[in-house]
Amino acid sequence: MLPPSVTAADVKITDVIAHPMLHEAPSSGGTSWKNTDRMSIVIIEIRTDAGIVGIGECLGRFGSTAYAEAVRQLFLPKLLGKSPFAAVDLQLDMRRAHSGRAGGMTGECMSGIDIALWDIMGKVAGLPISALLGGGIGKKVPCYGCSVPWTEDESKIKDIVDRAKARGFSMIKVKFGGPLKEGVRHLELVRKLAGEDMQLSADANWDFSLADAVPLGNAMAALGYVWLEEPLPPEDIDGYRKLAERVSVPLAAGESDYNGWHAAQLIGSRAIGFIQPNVTRSGGITETRRIYDLAHLHHVAYAPHNGGSGIVCDVATLHLAAAAPNLYMVESVWSDDPFKSDLGSIKRSSDRLSNGMVSVPDGPGLGLELDWDLVRRSAPKD
């Protein structure tokens, strides 16, 4: 909160700092992209002359140190002295930091900055971001578990399914890939081990051609899967449209979109049943809200992506979900990741689940404090 002598209109940005973080990962969980032994995120810190500090997060999975330089050179000059309450105008101005289409590293930088702006707005107002978005205070949102890995180890799959049920998840995501016959066998095995009462979705991480995705989608429909996620590369909008015409299982996509303009093409194609923006990539809270509002107008459900990211993403996603009229479920990751489990003052959503629901933090802004010692210790050494 501000002292009585200072108004919200007086608050100005004095610094924007990007903190790259890296940790060694024993496994990414088994996907069609295979495993990686290193994972990174980027924490954004925005300071103000009122002493209020906002925090955000960029997805920044690879080359995280480059983000700090991009923030310093491209975005800091556009933000100094500006009001954190001007998030919409600042989004437009940040897009002019380069002459091409917004996306990639710069899009993810903008996402982290925008989350930090909303954190400041909430702290100044003394309200959680969910309330500023119109989603209320103290709300709970439904979550699904992520994920069953792409593996041939049946005992491992059974253990994960059983743990997901014990946590209270009513739906879990399955990772898989090609070749087609092997992928379908994996989906059949998980369905057998999970039983008919557990909802299942499946994520292919772009691993199929349109020709293979058609029989795949029909096999998944017969197995009762809720959606087929990213079977094709994200740029292939026409492929998604053609696939949707030939299969009865709903399609899900959108985690690869960097802003509302990208998502609008996918939503407008009428090819998907679920849109899955990741707030640390898709333009932050300002832009992600536009995405789910547009999806709502097209009768597309909002099922936000939350994997490969840290606790700021986890919490920001919950605030957005609280205000989404078309919310289906929030992705809730239980894999071993210190940036989700150890970085914040709030436990990750998968550790706070109760009857399939997670409470949205009700403190000002994100309602989250970070372990800054862990942020500093996790800075890349090379």
Protein backbone atom coordinates (compact mmCIF):
# COMPACT_ATOMS: atom_id res chain seq x y z
CA MET A 1 0.00 0.00 0.00
CA LEU A 2 1.06 3.61 -0.56
CA PRO A 3 1.64 6.19 2.18
CA PRO A 4 -1.22 8.72 2.48
CA SER A 5 0.81 11.47 0.81
CA VAL A 6 1.34 9.42 -2.39
CA THR A 7 -1.34 8.61 -4.97
CA ALA A 8 -1.33 5.83 -7.53
CA ALA A 9 -0.88 8.43 -10.27
CA ASP A 10 2.41 9.47 -8.67
CA VAL A 11 4.07 6.02 -8.90
CA LYS A 12 6.76 5.76 -11.57
CA ILE A 13 9.08 2.97 -12.73
CA THR A 14 12.73 3.48 -11.72
CA ASP A 15 14.35 0.21 -12.84
CA VAL A 16 13.65 -3.06 -14.64
CA ILE A 17 15.98 -5.99 -13.97
CA ALA A 18 15.98 -9.46 -15.52
CA HIS A 19 17.37 -12.31 -13.39
CA PRO A 20 18.24 -15.41 -15.46
CA MET A 21 17.99 -18.70 -13.56
CA LEU A 22 19.23 -22.17 -14.46
CA HIS A 23 19.10 -25.59 -12.83
CA GLU A 24 20.18 -29.07 -13.79
CA ALA A 25 17.14 -31.24 -14.52
CA PRO A 26 17.38 -35.02 -14.22
CA SER A 27 14.55 -35.35 -16.76
CA SER A 28 12.03 -33.17 -18.57
CA GLY A 29 9.46 -35.87 -18.01
CA GLY A 30 9.59 -37.85 -21.24
CA THR A 31 8.04 -36.13 -24.25
CA SER A 32 8.32 -36.40 -28.04
CA TRP A 33 10.92 -33.61 -27.77
CA LYS A 34 12.99 -36.05 -25.68
CA ASN A 35 14.64 -34.99 -22.44
CA THR A 36 16.80 -32.01 -21.57
CA ASP A 37 19.24 -31.88 -18.68
CA ARG A 38 18.96 -28.12 -18.12
CA MET A 39 15.96 -25.87 -17.50
CA SER A 40 15.84 -22.10 -17.13
CA ILE A 41 13.45 -19.24 -16.48
CA VAL A 42 13.91 -15.48 -16.15
CA ILE A 43 12.57 -13.47 -13.21
CA ILE A 44 11.65 -9.84 -13.88
CA GLU A 45 11.96 -7.27 -11.10
CA ILE A 46 10.41 -3.82 -11.58
CA ARG A 47 11.23 -1.16 -9.01
CA THR A 48 9.29 2.05 -8.42
CA ASP A 49 9.94 5.38 -6.72
CA ALA A 50 7.28 4.45 -4.14
CA GLY A 51 9.39 1.51 -2.94
CA ILE A 52 6.92 -1.03 -4.33
CA VAL A 53 8.52 -3.83 -6.33
CA GLY A 54 6.73 -6.00 -8.88
CA ILE A 55 7.82 -9.47 -9.95
CA GLY A 56 7.20 -11.30 -13.21
CA GLU A 57 8.51 -14.29 -15.12
CA CYS A 58 9.58 -15.01 -18.70
CA LEU A 59 9.40 -18.57 -19.98
CA GLY A 60 13.04 -18.32 -21.14
CA ARG A 61 13.77 -22.04 -21.36
CA PHE A 62 17.06 -21.70 -23.21
CA GLY A 63 19.73 -18.99 -23.35
CA SER A 64 18.32 -17.20 -20.31
CA THR A 65 21.25 -14.75 -20.01
CA ALA A 66 20.30 -13.21 -23.35
CA TYR A 67 17.00 -12.09 -21.84
CA ALA A 68 18.72 -9.85 -19.30
CA GLU A 69 20.53 -8.01 -22.09
CA ALA A 70 17.33 -7.71 -24.14
CA VAL A 71 15.48 -6.23 -21.18
CA ARG A 72 18.30 -3.77 -20.51
CA GLN A 73 18.75 -2.63 -24.10
CA LEU A 74 15.28 -2.95 -25.66
CA PHE A 75 12.76 -2.40 -22.90
CA LEU A 76 14.30 -0.51 -19.99
CA PRO A 77 14.51 2.78 -21.96
CA LYS A 78 10.81 2.49 -22.83
CA LEU A 79 9.73 1.87 -19.23
CA LEU A 80 11.78 4.28 -17.10
CA GLY A 81 9.68 7.05 -15.64
CA LYS A 82 6.41 5.50 -16.84
CA SER A 83 3.39 4.59 -14.76
CA PRO A 84 2.98 0.86 -14.04
CA PHE A 85 -0.77 1.43 -14.42
CA ALA A 86 -0.31 2.10 -18.15
CA ALA A 87 0.14 -1.61 -18.97
CA VAL A 88 -1.85 -1.46 -22.22
CA ASP A 89 0.08 1.50 -23.60
CA LEU A 90 3.37 0.01 -22.45
CA GLN A 91 2.54 -3.25 -24.26
CA LEU A 92 2.08 -1.33 -27.51
CA ASP A 93 5.25 0.68 -26.96
CA MET A 94 7.31 -2.41 -26.16
CA ARG A 95 6.20 -3.98 -29.44
CA ARG A 96 7.95 -1.07 -31.16
CA ALA A 97 11.27 -2.07 -29.61
CA HIS A 98 11.93 -4.03 -32.80
CA SER A 99 10.66 -3.73 -36.37
CA GLY A 100 9.49 -7.31 -36.94
CA ARG A 101 6.61 -9.38 -35.63
CA ALA A 102 6.52 -9.71 -31.86
CA GLY A 103 7.57 -13.13 -30.64
CA GLY A 104 10.41 -15.32 -29.49
CA MET A 105 12.64 -14.01 -26.76
CA THR A 106 11.31 -10.45 -27.02
CA GLY A 107 7.74 -11.68 -26.66
CA GLU A 108 8.65 -13.64 -23.55
CA CYS A 109 10.48 -10.62 -22.10
CA MET A 110 7.34 -8.53 -22.62
CA SER A 111 5.30 -11.21 -20.87
CA GLY A 112 7.44 -11.13 -17.74
CA ILE A 113 7.42 -7.35 -17.66
CA ASP A 114 3.63 -7.20 -17.96
CA ILE A 115 3.13 -9.67 -15.09
CA ALA A 116 5.36 -7.48 -12.90
CA LEU A 117 3.31 -4.39 -13.83
CA TRP A 118 0.13 -6.11 -12.68
CA ASP A 119 1.86 -7.20 -9.47
CA ILE A 120 2.64 -3.53 -8.77
CA MET A 121 -0.92 -2.44 -9.58
CA GLY A 122 -2.31 -4.98 -7.14
CA LYS A 123 0.14 -4.00 -4.42
CA VAL A 124 -0.68 -0.31 -4.82
CA ALA A 125 -4.41 -1.05 -4.69
CA GLY A 126 -4.02 -3.56 -1.86
CA LEU A 127 -5.92 -6.15 -3.91
CA PRO A 128 -5.08 -9.47 -5.60
CA ILE A 129 -4.75 -9.42 -9.38
CA SER A 130 -7.79 -11.70 -9.60
CA ALA A 131 -9.90 -8.91 -8.08
CA LEU A 132 -8.49 -6.29 -10.48
CA LEU A 133 -9.52 -8.60 -13.34
CA GLY A 134 -13.02 -8.99 -11.92
CA GLY A 135 -12.54 -12.55 -10.76
CA GLY A 136 -13.19 -11.91 -7.09
CA ILE A 137 -11.19 -12.72 -3.97
CA GLY A 138 -10.66 -16.13 -2.37
CA LYS A 139 -11.84 -18.08 -5.38
CA LYS A 140 -10.88 -21.69 -6.15
CA VAL A 141 -10.23 -23.01 -9.65
CA PRO A 142 -10.14 -26.57 -11.05
CA CYS A 143 -6.80 -28.13 -12.03
CA TYR A 144 -5.61 -31.17 -13.96
CA GLY A 145 -2.37 -33.07 -13.35
CA CYS A 146 0.68 -32.95 -15.60
CA SER A 147 1.92 -35.37 -16.67
CA VAL A 148 2.23 -39.08 -17.52
CA PRO A 149 5.54 -39.35 -19.42
CA TRP A 150 6.20 -40.91 -22.85
CA THR A 151 7.81 -44.09 -21.53
CA GLU A 152 7.61 -47.87 -21.93
CA ASP A 153 7.94 -48.39 -18.16
CA GLU A 154 4.45 -49.63 -17.24
CA SER A 155 5.17 -49.61 -13.49
CA LYS A 156 6.20 -45.95 -13.68
CA ILE A 157 3.01 -45.04 -15.51
CA LYS A 158 0.90 -46.94 -12.97
CA ASP A 159 2.65 -45.20 -10.08
CA ILE A 160 2.07 -41.75 -11.58
CA VAL A 161 -1.59 -42.46 -12.31
CA ASP A 162 -2.13 -43.71 -8.76
CA ARG A 163 -0.40 -40.66 -7.27
CA ALA A 164 -2.53 -38.35 -9.43
CA LYS A 165 -5.68 -40.02 -8.14
CA ALA A 166 -4.43 -39.78 -4.56
CA ARG A 167 -3.85 -36.03 -5.01
CA GLY A 168 -7.44 -35.60 -6.09
CA PHE A 169 -6.99 -34.88 -9.78
CA SER A 170 -9.99 -35.74 -11.95
CA MET A 171 -7.93 -35.39 -15.14
CA ILE A 172 -4.30 -35.98 -16.10
CA LYS A 173 -2.33 -35.20 -19.24
CA VAL A 174 -0.41 -37.88 -21.13
CA LYS A 175 2.79 -37.13 -23.07
CA PHE A 176 3.38 -39.16 -26.21
CA GLY A 177 4.60 -39.07 -29.80
CA GLY A 178 5.15 -41.08 -32.98
CA PRO A 179 5.39 -43.42 -34.74
CA LEU A 180 1.61 -43.61 -34.90
CA LYS A 181 1.17 -47.23 -33.77
CA GLU A 182 3.51 -46.78 -30.80
CA GLY A 183 1.78 -43.59 -29.79
CA VAL A 184 -1.66 -45.18 -29.88
CA ARG A 185 -0.41 -48.18 -27.87
CA HIS A 186 0.85 -45.78 -25.19
CA LEU A 187 -2.50 -44.00 -25.03
CA GLU A 188 -4.31 -47.33 -24.80
CA LEU A 189 -2.05 -48.44 -21.95
CA VAL A 190 -2.61 -45.27 -19.94
CA ARG A 191 -6.37 -45.55 -20.44
CA LYS A 192 -6.29 -49.15 -19.17
CA LEU A 193 -4.22 -48.20 -16.10
CA ALA A 194 -6.19 -45.04 -15.34
CA GLY A 195 -9.63 -46.61 -15.70
CA GLU A 196 -12.73 -45.21 -17.33
CA ASP A 197 -13.53 -42.69 -14.58
CA MET A 198 -10.30 -40.67 -14.97
CA GLN A 199 -10.39 -37.94 -17.62
CA LEU A 200 -7.34 -38.01 -19.89
CA SER A 201 -5.88 -35.55 -22.38
CA ALA A 202 -2.79 -36.10 -24.51
CA ASP A 203 0.04 -33.83 -25.70
CA ALA A 204 1.99 -34.77 -28.86
CA ASN A 205 4.34 -31.73 -28.92
CA TRP A 206 4.05 -31.32 -32.75
CA ASP A 207 5.18 -34.88 -33.49
CA PHE A 208 2.70 -35.89 -36.20
CA SER A 209 1.90 -35.14 -39.81
CA LEU A 210 -1.68 -34.36 -40.83
CA ALA A 211 -1.94 -37.80 -42.45
CA ASP A 212 -1.07 -39.58 -39.19
CA ALA A 213 -2.98 -37.16 -36.96
CA VAL A 214 -6.30 -38.16 -38.53
CA PRO A 215 -6.26 -41.85 -37.48
CA LEU A 216 -4.62 -40.79 -34.22
CA GLY A 217 -7.44 -38.40 -33.39
CA ASN A 218 -10.09 -40.98 -34.20
CA ALA A 219 -8.35 -43.57 -32.01
CA MET A 220 -8.24 -41.05 -29.16
CA ALA A 221 -11.95 -40.32 -29.53
CA ALA A 222 -12.69 -44.03 -29.19
CA LEU A 223 -10.55 -44.10 -26.02
CA GLY A 224 -12.47 -41.18 -24.52
CA TYR A 225 -9.65 -38.61 -24.43
CA VAL A 226 -10.75 -35.03 -23.71
CA TRP A 227 -8.39 -33.42 -26.23
CA LEU A 228 -5.48 -33.96 -28.60
CA GLU A 229 -2.89 -31.27 -27.87
CA GLU A 230 -0.50 -29.79 -30.44
CA PRO A 231 -0.34 -32.70 -32.89
CA LEU A 232 0.95 -30.33 -35.62
CA PRO A 233 3.47 -27.47 -35.64
CA PRO A 234 1.84 -24.25 -34.31
CA GLU A 235 2.30 -22.36 -37.59
CA ASP A 236 0.14 -24.85 -39.50
CA ILE A 237 -3.24 -23.20 -38.89
CA ASP A 238 -4.69 -24.66 -42.08
CA GLY A 239 -3.53 -28.11 -40.99
CA TYR A 240 -5.39 -27.73 -37.70
CA ARG A 241 -8.52 -26.64 -39.55
CA LYS A 242 -8.37 -29.64 -41.89
CA LEU A 243 -7.66 -32.01 -39.00
CA ALA A 244 -10.62 -30.69 -36.99
CA GLU A 245 -12.92 -31.48 -39.92
CA ARG A 246 -11.79 -35.13 -39.96
CA VAL A 247 -11.64 -36.14 -36.29
CA SER A 248 -14.17 -36.16 -33.46
CA VAL A 249 -11.71 -35.57 -30.60
CA PRO A 250 -11.37 -31.84 -29.78
CA LEU A 251 -8.03 -30.21 -30.56
CA ALA A 252 -6.05 -28.07 -28.12
CA ALA A 253 -3.23 -25.62 -28.88
CA GLY A 254 -1.95 -22.13 -28.18
CA GLU A 255 0.97 -22.56 -25.75
CA SER A 256 3.32 -21.53 -28.57
CA ASP A 257 1.52 -18.22 -29.25
CA TYR A 258 3.31 -15.02 -28.25
CA ASN A 259 0.35 -12.63 -28.26
CA GLY A 260 -3.32 -12.18 -29.03
CA TRP A 261 -2.69 -11.64 -32.74
CA HIS A 262 -1.17 -15.11 -33.00
CA ALA A 263 -3.93 -16.70 -30.94
CA ALA A 264 -6.63 -14.92 -32.97
CA GLN A 265 -5.60 -16.84 -36.09
CA LEU A 266 -5.97 -20.16 -34.28
CA ILE A 267 -9.23 -19.23 -32.56
CA GLY A 268 -10.68 -17.71 -35.72
CA SER A 269 -9.95 -20.89 -37.68
CA ARG A 270 -12.61 -22.70 -35.59
CA ALA A 271 -10.19 -25.63 -35.44
CA ILE A 272 -9.73 -25.95 -31.67
CA GLY A 273 -11.89 -26.64 -28.67
CA PHE A 274 -9.31 -25.50 -26.09
CA ILE A 275 -6.91 -22.53 -26.13
CA GLN A 276 -3.76 -22.93 -24.00
CA PRO A 277 -1.74 -19.71 -23.68
CA ASN A 278 1.18 -19.61 -21.24
CA VAL A 279 1.14 -16.25 -19.43
CA THR A 280 4.96 -16.12 -19.35
CA ARG A 281 5.08 -16.33 -23.15
CA SER A 282 1.74 -15.03 -24.46
CA GLY A 283 2.12 -11.35 -23.54
CA GLY A 284 1.59 -11.46 -19.80
CA ILE A 285 -1.70 -10.82 -18.02
CA THR A 286 -2.80 -7.99 -20.32
CA GLU A 287 -2.53 -10.05 -23.49
CA THR A 288 -3.61 -13.41 -22.06
CA ARG A 289 -6.87 -11.89 -20.86
CA ARG A 290 -7.54 -10.71 -24.42
CA ILE A 291 -6.90 -14.24 -25.65
CA TYR A 292 -9.37 -15.95 -23.35
CA ASP A 293 -11.99 -13.25 -23.90
CA LEU A 294 -11.70 -13.74 -27.65
CA ALA A 295 -11.85 -17.50 -27.18
CA HIS A 296 -14.99 -17.11 -25.07
CA LEU A 297 -16.69 -15.22 -27.90
CA HIS A 298 -15.86 -18.14 -30.22
CA HIS A 299 -17.04 -20.82 -27.74
CA VAL A 300 -13.50 -22.07 -27.15
CA ALA A 301 -12.55 -23.19 -23.63
CA TYR A 302 -9.56 -21.76 -21.74
CA ALA A 303 -7.12 -24.41 -20.44
CA PRO A 304 -3.89 -22.48 -19.73
CA HIS A 305 -0.44 -24.02 -20.15
CA ASN A 306 1.78 -24.01 -17.06
CA GLY A 307 4.63 -26.42 -17.81
CA GLY A 308 8.37 -25.74 -17.98
CA SER A 309 7.99 -22.59 -15.90
CA GLY A 310 8.31 -21.34 -12.34
CA ILE A 311 6.11 -20.36 -9.42
CA VAL A 312 5.34 -16.88 -10.77
CA CYS A 313 3.76 -18.47 -13.83
CA ASP A 314 1.85 -20.89 -11.61
CA VAL A 315 0.40 -18.09 -9.48
CA ALA A 316 -0.26 -15.62 -12.32
CA THR A 317 -2.14 -18.38 -14.16
CA LEU A 318 -4.43 -18.89 -11.16
CA HIS A 319 -5.28 -15.17 -11.03
CA LEU A 320 -6.17 -15.17 -14.72
CA ALA A 321 -8.20 -18.36 -14.35
CA ALA A 322 -10.29 -16.81 -11.58
CA ALA A 323 -11.64 -14.22 -14.03
CA ALA A 324 -11.98 -16.39 -17.15
CA PRO A 325 -15.63 -17.00 -18.10
CA ASN A 326 -14.63 -19.97 -20.26
CA LEU A 327 -12.19 -21.68 -17.87
CA TYR A 328 -11.97 -25.47 -18.22
CA MET A 329 -9.00 -26.43 -16.03
CA VAL A 330 -5.55 -25.12 -15.13
CA GLU A 331 -2.52 -27.28 -15.82
CA SER A 332 -0.89 -28.27 -12.53
CA VAL A 333 2.65 -29.69 -12.69
CA TRP A 334 3.93 -32.10 -10.04
CA SER A 335 7.37 -32.97 -11.48
CA ASP A 336 10.55 -32.19 -9.54
CA ASP A 337 11.34 -28.53 -10.33
CA PRO A 338 12.83 -26.22 -7.65
CA PHE A 339 11.67 -23.14 -9.57
CA LYS A 340 8.10 -24.19 -8.87
CA SER A 341 8.46 -25.93 -5.52
CA ASP A 342 11.16 -23.89 -3.73
CA LEU A 343 11.23 -20.40 -5.24
CA GLY A 344 8.13 -18.80 -3.76
CA SER A 345 6.35 -18.21 -0.46
CA ILE A 346 3.34 -20.12 -1.83
CA LYS A 347 3.39 -23.82 -2.57
CA ARG A 348 2.83 -24.76 -6.20
CA SER A 349 -0.74 -25.59 -7.20
CA SER A 350 -0.17 -29.37 -7.37
CA ASP A 351 0.85 -29.31 -3.69
CA ARG A 352 -2.21 -27.29 -2.59
CA LEU A 353 -4.88 -29.33 -4.35
CA SER A 354 -8.10 -30.12 -2.48
CA ASN A 355 -10.83 -32.09 -4.25
CA GLY A 356 -9.39 -31.09 -7.60
CA MET A 357 -9.46 -27.38 -6.77
CA VAL A 358 -6.75 -24.85 -5.88
CA SER A 359 -7.31 -21.57 -4.06
CA VAL A 360 -6.19 -18.36 -5.77
CA PRO A 361 -3.80 -16.34 -3.55
CA ASP A 362 -5.61 -13.42 -1.94
CA GLY A 363 -2.65 -11.19 -1.01
CA PRO A 364 -1.99 -7.92 -2.86
CA GLY A 365 -0.80 -8.31 -6.45
CA LEU A 366 0.34 -11.85 -7.11
CA GLY A 367 0.32 -12.44 -3.36
CA LEU A 368 3.74 -14.03 -3.74
CA GLU A 369 7.19 -13.38 -2.33
CA LEU A 370 10.32 -14.87 -3.88
CA ASP A 371 13.39 -16.45 -2.32
CA TRP A 372 15.90 -13.93 -3.69
CA ASP A 373 18.81 -15.97 -2.35
CA LEU A 374 17.69 -18.85 -4.59
CA VAL A 375 17.33 -16.41 -7.50
CA ARG A 376 20.93 -15.29 -7.06
CA ARG A 377 22.29 -18.82 -6.49
CA SER A 378 20.58 -20.02 -9.64
CA ALA A 379 22.23 -17.50 -11.94
CA PRO A 380 23.94 -19.33 -14.86
CA LYS A 381 27.68 -19.81 -14.33
CA ASP A 382 28.57 -20.11 -18.02
